[in-house]
Amino acid sequence: MKTDANKLIALYKKMLDIAAKEQKEIAENNLDKIERCYSLKIDIIREIDEINNGESLIYSSEKNDELALLIKQIIVINKANAEALSKKRNEIMSELSTVQKRKTAFRAYETCA
């Protein structure tokens, strides 16, 4: 059980590093790198699932303060990343709407001219 906890801690540390990298990539609008971060996180989740047999993860996180803290940190960063991505999406959609309105107005102007 201790070995599983150590493996989980190592995997969650990787996940935390990736979440921090993802945060940086979101700030810099590097969409391809954000996608890569998600891919890496999925790979880590698969590894965690392989280790997590039944109640292993629950038991480990309850008995191991470091693991519990890592999980909480990841949740906080992932929530911030999700909010930042949502904000970026809204900005993009707003810009797209503005472009579409201008395009429509230009077409109307050309029709009248």
Protein backbone atom coordinates (compact mmCIF):
# COMPACT_ATOMS: atom_id res chain seq x y z
CA MET A 1 0.00 0.00 0.00
CA LYS A 2 2.91 2.34 0.76
CA THR A 3 4.35 1.74 -2.71
CA ASP A 4 1.00 2.66 -4.28
CA ALA A 5 0.90 5.85 -2.23
CA ASN A 6 4.41 6.77 -3.39
CA LYS A 7 3.49 6.10 -7.01
CA LEU A 8 0.34 8.17 -6.63
CA ILE A 9 2.29 11.03 -5.08
CA ALA A 10 4.75 10.98 -7.99
CA LEU A 11 1.91 10.94 -10.52
CA TYR A 12 0.03 13.74 -8.80
CA LYS A 13 3.22 15.81 -8.68
CA LYS A 14 3.48 15.35 -12.45
CA MET A 15 -0.17 16.34 -12.76
CA LEU A 16 0.46 19.47 -10.68
CA ASP A 17 3.45 20.41 -12.87
CA ILE A 18 1.37 19.94 -16.00
CA ALA A 19 -1.48 22.02 -14.56
CA ALA A 20 0.98 24.83 -13.81
CA LYS A 21 2.39 24.57 -17.34
CA GLU A 22 -1.14 24.61 -18.72
CA GLN A 23 -1.84 27.79 -16.76
CA LYS A 24 1.17 29.44 -18.43
CA GLU A 25 0.10 28.26 -21.88
CA ILE A 26 -3.43 29.59 -21.35
CA ALA A 27 -2.02 32.99 -20.42
CA GLU A 28 0.07 32.97 -23.61
CA ASN A 29 -2.78 31.70 -25.85
CA ASN A 30 -0.80 28.63 -26.96
CA LEU A 31 -3.77 26.46 -27.89
CA ASP A 32 -1.69 23.62 -29.35
CA LYS A 33 0.36 23.41 -26.16
CA ILE A 34 -2.80 23.50 -24.03
CA GLU A 35 -4.08 20.53 -26.01
CA ARG A 36 -0.78 18.72 -25.33
CA CYS A 37 -1.19 19.41 -21.60
CA TYR A 38 -4.63 17.80 -21.68
CA SER A 39 -3.20 14.80 -23.47
CA LEU A 40 -0.49 14.41 -20.83
CA LYS A 41 -3.05 14.74 -18.04
CA ILE A 42 -5.17 12.00 -19.61
CA ASP A 43 -2.13 9.71 -19.73
CA ILE A 44 -1.46 10.35 -16.04
CA ILE A 45 -5.09 9.72 -15.14
CA ARG A 46 -4.85 6.36 -16.92
CA GLU A 47 -1.76 5.50 -14.87
CA ILE A 48 -3.57 6.51 -11.68
CA ASP A 49 -6.51 4.31 -12.65
CA GLU A 50 -4.16 1.35 -13.10
CA ILE A 51 -2.78 1.86 -9.59
CA ASN A 52 -6.14 2.67 -8.07
CA ASN A 53 -7.72 -0.70 -7.41
CA GLY A 54 -10.91 -0.25 -5.47
CA GLU A 55 -10.33 2.00 -2.50
CA SER A 56 -6.57 2.39 -2.91
CA LEU A 57 -6.73 6.07 -3.86
CA ILE A 58 -9.27 6.95 -1.18
CA TYR A 59 -7.29 5.08 1.45
CA SER A 60 -4.01 6.63 0.34
CA SER A 61 -5.32 10.18 0.27
CA GLU A 62 -6.93 9.82 3.70
CA LYS A 63 -3.74 8.38 5.20
CA ASN A 64 -1.26 10.57 3.36
CA ASP A 65 -1.36 14.33 3.93
CA GLU A 66 1.03 15.03 1.05
CA LEU A 67 -1.20 13.23 -1.42
CA ALA A 68 -4.30 14.99 -0.12
CA LEU A 69 -2.56 18.38 -0.42
CA LEU A 70 -1.44 17.64 -3.98
CA ILE A 71 -4.97 16.69 -4.98
CA LYS A 72 -6.35 19.91 -3.47
CA GLN A 73 -3.71 22.01 -5.26
CA ILE A 74 -4.50 20.34 -8.57
CA ILE A 75 -8.21 20.98 -8.09
CA VAL A 76 -7.57 24.68 -7.39
CA ILE A 77 -5.31 25.11 -10.43
CA ASN A 78 -7.64 23.13 -12.71
CA LYS A 79 -10.57 25.28 -11.61
CA ALA A 80 -8.59 28.45 -12.34
CA ASN A 81 -7.53 27.04 -15.71
CA ALA A 82 -11.12 26.16 -16.59
CA GLU A 83 -12.26 29.68 -15.70
CA ALA A 84 -9.43 31.22 -17.74
CA LEU A 85 -10.27 29.04 -20.74
CA SER A 86 -13.93 29.96 -20.43
CA LYS A 87 -13.00 33.64 -20.36
CA LYS A 88 -10.76 33.21 -23.44
CA ARG A 89 -13.59 31.40 -25.23
CA ASN A 90 -16.00 34.22 -24.42
CA GLU A 91 -13.50 36.79 -25.71
CA ILE A 92 -13.05 34.85 -28.94
CA MET A 93 -16.81 34.48 -29.40
CA SER A 94 -17.29 38.20 -28.77
CA GLU A 95 -14.63 39.08 -31.34
CA LEU A 96 -16.18 36.66 -33.80
CA SER A 97 -19.58 38.25 -33.29
CA THR A 98 -18.11 41.70 -33.90
CA VAL A 99 -16.41 40.52 -37.09
CA GLN A 100 -19.64 38.93 -38.32
CA LYS A 101 -21.59 42.14 -37.62
CA ARG A 102 -19.01 44.21 -39.49
CA LYS A 103 -19.09 41.78 -42.39
CA THR A 104 -22.89 41.98 -42.54
CA ALA A 105 -22.79 45.78 -42.35
CA PHE A 106 -20.18 45.91 -45.12
CA ARG A 107 -22.29 43.67 -47.35
CA ALA A 108 -25.32 45.87 -46.72
CA TYR A 109 -23.24 48.95 -47.55
CA GLU A 110 -21.98 47.35 -50.78
CA THR A 111 -25.55 46.45 -51.75
CA CYS A 112 -26.72 50.03 -51.25
CA ALA A 113 -23.74 51.60 -52.99
